[in-house]
Amino acid sequence: METNAILAWTLVSECPIPQDVNDILVPGETAVAAYKTFRDSAVFTNKRLIVRDAQGITGKKVEIYSLPYSSIYMWSSENGHGLFNFNSEIELWTKAGHIKVNLNKGLDVRRLDKLIAQAVLGSTASPAAGTAHAVSGNPPPLP
């Protein structure tokens, strides 16, 4: 299924969870993993993906994207493999549209795949590696 992503982020490397993310977490929500992006960070919690995007020349203007896992209809994961393709990716089909998350070489795509599966499907989920995962509810619109 080929569609253009409405949003795309690249995760560069794993990093400590930023302390200021605690200011926007709701009761019962915990940060699980954090990744450096080109200009800022992305935090995976047990309830959503939070991407902080510094903007402008100084980076003082900050936009925060919050994607609740409950809005995900389907996702796919692809591990980087081969001579010219080192990067992995996760694609999300959501109520907000199509989102692509690129992972630089060395980041564990299966860890994020499992985190998303646990959040969307429940903690007992064990998705098969390298497959697309459909979630009950309305499917994403076809291109």
Protein backbone atom coordinates (compact mmCIF):
# COMPACT_ATOMS: atom_id res chain seq x y z
CA MET A 1 0.00 0.00 0.00
CA GLU A 2 1.72 3.19 -1.14
CA THR A 3 0.55 6.50 0.32
CA ASN A 4 2.33 9.73 1.07
CA ALA A 5 2.95 10.37 4.73
CA ILE A 6 1.40 13.53 6.11
CA LEU A 7 4.05 13.60 8.82
CA ALA A 8 7.49 12.05 8.90
CA TRP A 9 10.00 11.98 11.72
CA THR A 10 13.46 10.50 11.95
CA LEU A 11 14.68 9.00 15.20
CA VAL A 12 18.45 9.47 15.35
CA SER A 13 19.48 7.79 18.61
CA GLU A 14 18.06 6.74 21.95
CA CYS A 15 18.43 9.35 24.68
CA PRO A 16 17.41 9.87 28.31
CA ILE A 17 13.75 10.79 28.82
CA PRO A 18 13.56 14.61 29.03
CA GLN A 19 12.46 15.75 32.49
CA ASP A 20 10.08 18.40 31.12
CA VAL A 21 7.93 15.71 29.47
CA ASN A 22 6.53 14.92 32.93
CA ASP A 23 4.72 18.29 32.82
CA ILE A 24 2.43 17.07 30.03
CA LEU A 25 1.80 13.49 31.13
CA VAL A 26 -1.65 12.58 32.46
CA PRO A 27 -2.22 10.51 35.62
CA GLY A 28 -1.34 6.87 34.91
CA GLU A 29 0.86 7.76 31.93
CA THR A 30 4.56 6.95 32.06
CA ALA A 31 7.37 7.65 29.63
CA VAL A 32 8.86 4.41 28.31
CA ALA A 33 11.54 5.45 25.80
CA ALA A 34 12.94 8.63 24.27
CA TYR A 35 14.80 9.29 21.04
CA LYS A 36 16.71 12.25 19.69
CA THR A 37 15.30 13.65 16.46
CA PHE A 38 17.16 16.08 14.22
CA ARG A 39 16.18 19.13 16.29
CA ASP A 40 14.56 17.78 19.42
CA SER A 41 13.06 14.56 20.80
CA ALA A 42 10.32 11.95 20.56
CA VAL A 43 8.97 10.21 23.66
CA PHE A 44 7.00 6.98 23.62
CA THR A 45 4.73 6.65 26.66
CA ASN A 46 2.38 3.85 27.61
CA LYS A 47 -0.49 5.91 26.06
CA ARG A 48 0.91 7.98 23.17
CA LEU A 49 3.80 9.20 21.08
CA ILE A 50 4.91 12.75 21.88
CA VAL A 51 7.16 14.53 19.38
CA ARG A 52 8.67 17.85 20.32
CA ASP A 53 9.63 19.95 17.30
CA ALA A 54 11.77 23.07 17.81
CA GLN A 55 11.10 25.58 15.06
CA GLY A 56 12.69 28.69 13.66
CA ILE A 57 16.31 29.75 13.64
CA THR A 58 16.63 29.93 17.42
CA GLY A 59 14.46 26.92 18.18
CA LYS A 60 12.57 28.85 20.88
CA LYS A 61 9.23 28.19 19.22
CA VAL A 62 8.26 24.60 20.03
CA GLU A 63 5.42 22.59 18.55
CA ILE A 64 4.38 19.41 20.35
CA TYR A 65 2.66 16.59 18.49
CA SER A 66 0.71 14.10 20.56
CA LEU A 67 -0.46 10.89 18.91
CA PRO A 68 -2.60 8.69 21.18
CA TYR A 69 -2.12 5.01 20.38
CA SER A 70 -5.92 4.69 20.41
CA SER A 71 -5.97 6.60 17.08
CA ILE A 72 -3.89 3.94 15.29
CA TYR A 73 -5.86 1.75 12.86
CA MET A 74 -2.90 -0.17 11.47
CA TRP A 75 0.90 -0.08 11.49
CA SER A 76 3.79 -1.75 9.75
CA SER A 77 7.43 -2.12 10.64
CA GLU A 78 10.38 -2.76 8.37
CA ASN A 79 13.85 -3.57 9.53
CA GLY A 80 16.82 -2.12 7.63
CA HIS A 81 18.54 -4.86 5.73
CA GLY A 82 20.85 -5.02 2.80
CA LEU A 83 23.80 -3.26 1.30
CA PHE A 84 22.16 0.13 0.72
CA ASN A 85 19.20 0.07 3.12
CA PHE A 86 20.37 0.32 6.75
CA ASN A 87 17.49 2.33 8.19
CA SER A 88 14.33 0.83 9.62
CA GLU A 89 10.90 2.39 9.59
CA ILE A 90 7.50 2.25 11.20
CA GLU A 91 4.43 3.46 9.36
CA LEU A 92 1.24 4.35 11.20
CA TRP A 93 -2.21 4.70 9.68
CA THR A 94 -4.19 6.81 12.12
CA LYS A 95 -7.33 8.87 12.48
CA ALA A 96 -5.07 11.87 11.76
CA GLY A 97 -3.65 10.32 8.58
CA HIS A 98 -0.51 8.46 7.56
CA ILE A 99 2.63 8.95 9.67
CA LYS A 100 6.11 7.63 8.93
CA VAL A 101 8.80 7.18 11.58
CA ASN A 102 12.30 6.50 10.24
CA LEU A 103 14.88 4.91 12.55
CA ASN A 104 18.57 5.41 12.01
CA LYS A 105 20.91 2.44 11.84
CA GLY A 106 21.32 0.68 15.16
CA LEU A 107 17.87 1.48 16.60
CA ASP A 108 15.70 -1.52 17.45
CA VAL A 109 12.54 -1.33 15.30
CA ARG A 110 11.16 -4.51 16.90
CA ARG A 111 11.28 -2.88 20.35
CA LEU A 112 9.08 -0.03 19.08
CA ASP A 113 6.85 -2.47 17.20
CA LYS A 114 6.26 -4.38 20.45
CA LEU A 115 5.69 -1.15 22.42
CA ILE A 116 3.01 -0.06 19.94
CA ALA A 117 1.43 -3.53 19.95
CA GLN A 118 1.26 -3.57 23.74
CA ALA A 119 -0.29 -0.10 23.84
CA VAL A 120 -2.83 -0.71 21.05
CA LEU A 121 -3.69 -4.37 21.54
CA GLY A 122 -2.99 -4.89 25.24
CA SER A 123 0.01 -6.06 27.24
CA THR A 124 -0.33 -9.70 26.18
CA ALA A 125 0.19 -8.96 22.48
CA SER A 126 3.07 -10.65 20.71
CA PRO A 127 3.05 -9.49 17.07
CA ALA A 128 4.83 -11.44 14.35
CA ALA A 129 7.99 -9.72 13.15
CA GLY A 130 7.91 -7.91 9.84
CA THR A 131 4.16 -7.90 9.40
CA ALA A 132 1.51 -5.23 9.12
CA HIS A 133 -0.81 -5.11 12.09
CA ALA A 134 -4.48 -4.31 11.58
CA VAL A 135 -6.41 -2.97 14.54
CA SER A 136 -10.13 -3.53 15.00
CA GLY A 137 -12.32 -0.61 14.04
CA ASN A 138 -12.57 1.26 10.80
CA PRO A 139 -9.71 0.59 8.37
CA PRO A 140 -7.69 3.48 6.96
CA PRO A 141 -8.96 4.99 3.73
CA LEU A 142 -7.49 3.46 0.60
CA PRO A 143 -5.39 5.72 -1.64
